[in-house]
Amino acid sequence: PMMYLALSYDHRIIDGRESVSFLVRVKELLEDPARMLLEI
């Protein structure tokens, strides 16, 4: 299964690199929920 994830942000406040890093982290946690539960 595939899931689409989108993020909306204001470039005047948040740098694009930070928002991409956040989305990558969310993706990693969704792919491995045990990691999220153990807070590794």
N, C-alpha and C. Protein backbone atom coordinates (compact mmCIF):
# COMPACT_ATOMS: atom_id res chain seq x y z
N PRO A 1 0.82 -1.20 0.00
CA PRO A 1 0.00 0.00 0.00
C PRO A 1 0.86 1.26 0.00
N MET A 2 0.32 2.28 -0.56
CA MET A 2 1.04 3.55 -0.63
C MET A 2 0.20 4.63 0.03
N MET A 3 0.89 5.57 0.64
CA MET A 3 0.22 6.67 1.32
C MET A 3 0.86 7.98 0.87
N TYR A 4 0.05 8.95 0.57
CA TYR A 4 0.56 10.26 0.19
C TYR A 4 0.58 11.16 1.42
N LEU A 5 1.65 11.91 1.56
CA LEU A 5 1.80 12.81 2.69
C LEU A 5 2.25 14.16 2.16
N ALA A 6 1.55 15.20 2.55
CA ALA A 6 1.88 16.55 2.08
C ALA A 6 2.03 17.47 3.29
N LEU A 7 2.83 18.49 3.10
CA LEU A 7 3.07 19.47 4.15
C LEU A 7 3.02 20.86 3.54
N SER A 8 2.33 21.72 4.21
CA SER A 8 2.24 23.11 3.76
C SER A 8 2.97 23.98 4.78
N TYR A 9 3.82 24.87 4.31
CA TYR A 9 4.58 25.71 5.22
C TYR A 9 4.87 27.05 4.58
N ASP A 10 5.24 28.01 5.40
CA ASP A 10 5.52 29.37 4.96
C ASP A 10 7.04 29.54 4.86
N HIS A 11 7.54 29.77 3.65
CA HIS A 11 8.98 29.92 3.44
C HIS A 11 9.56 31.11 4.19
N ARG A 12 8.74 32.04 4.58
CA ARG A 12 9.25 33.20 5.32
C ARG A 12 9.60 32.82 6.75
N ILE A 13 9.02 31.73 7.24
CA ILE A 13 9.24 31.31 8.63
C ILE A 13 10.10 30.06 8.72
N ILE A 14 9.84 29.09 7.85
CA ILE A 14 10.53 27.80 7.90
C ILE A 14 11.29 27.57 6.60
N ASP A 15 12.55 27.17 6.74
CA ASP A 15 13.37 26.84 5.59
C ASP A 15 12.87 25.51 4.99
N GLY A 16 12.91 25.40 3.68
CA GLY A 16 12.44 24.18 3.01
C GLY A 16 13.17 22.94 3.46
N ARG A 17 14.46 23.10 3.77
CA ARG A 17 15.26 21.94 4.20
C ARG A 17 14.73 21.37 5.52
N GLU A 18 14.32 22.24 6.43
CA GLU A 18 13.77 21.77 7.71
C GLU A 18 12.47 21.02 7.51
N SER A 19 11.64 21.50 6.62
CA SER A 19 10.36 20.82 6.39
C SER A 19 10.57 19.46 5.72
N VAL A 20 11.54 19.37 4.82
CA VAL A 20 11.84 18.08 4.19
C VAL A 20 12.40 17.11 5.23
N SER A 21 13.25 17.60 6.11
CA SER A 21 13.79 16.75 7.18
C SER A 21 12.66 16.21 8.06
N PHE A 22 11.68 17.06 8.35
CA PHE A 22 10.53 16.63 9.14
C PHE A 22 9.75 15.54 8.42
N LEU A 23 9.49 15.73 7.14
CA LEU A 23 8.74 14.72 6.38
C LEU A 23 9.50 13.40 6.29
N VAL A 24 10.81 13.47 6.14
CA VAL A 24 11.63 12.25 6.09
C VAL A 24 11.52 11.50 7.42
N ARG A 25 11.57 12.25 8.51
CA ARG A 25 11.45 11.62 9.84
C ARG A 25 10.07 10.98 10.01
N VAL A 26 9.02 11.66 9.59
CA VAL A 26 7.66 11.09 9.67
C VAL A 26 7.58 9.82 8.83
N LYS A 27 8.15 9.85 7.63
CA LYS A 27 8.14 8.68 6.76
C LYS A 27 8.86 7.50 7.42
N GLU A 28 10.01 7.76 8.03
CA GLU A 28 10.77 6.70 8.69
C GLU A 28 9.96 6.09 9.84
N LEU A 29 9.29 6.93 10.60
CA LEU A 29 8.50 6.43 11.73
C LEU A 29 7.28 5.65 11.26
N LEU A 30 6.66 6.07 10.17
CA LEU A 30 5.51 5.34 9.63
C LEU A 30 5.93 3.99 9.06
N GLU A 31 7.14 3.92 8.52
CA GLU A 31 7.62 2.66 7.95
C GLU A 31 8.04 1.67 9.03
N ASP A 32 8.38 2.16 10.22
CA ASP A 32 8.82 1.29 11.31
C ASP A 32 8.17 1.76 12.62
N PRO A 33 6.90 1.41 12.84
CA PRO A 33 6.18 1.90 14.03
C PRO A 33 6.82 1.46 15.35
N ALA A 34 7.48 0.32 15.38
CA ALA A 34 8.14 -0.12 16.62
C ALA A 34 9.20 0.88 17.03
N ARG A 35 9.88 1.44 16.07
CA ARG A 35 10.90 2.46 16.34
C ARG A 35 10.27 3.68 17.00
N MET A 36 9.08 4.05 16.55
CA MET A 36 8.38 5.20 17.13
C MET A 36 7.96 4.88 18.57
N LEU A 37 7.47 3.68 18.79
CA LEU A 37 7.02 3.30 20.13
C LEU A 37 8.17 3.21 21.11
N LEU A 38 9.34 2.79 20.62
CA LEU A 38 10.52 2.67 21.48
C LEU A 38 11.30 3.97 21.56
N GLU A 39 10.92 4.96 20.75
CA GLU A 39 11.57 6.27 20.69
C GLU A 39 13.07 6.16 20.44
N ILE A 40 13.44 5.35 19.46
CA ILE A 40 14.85 5.18 19.09
C ILE A 40 15.26 6.28 18.16
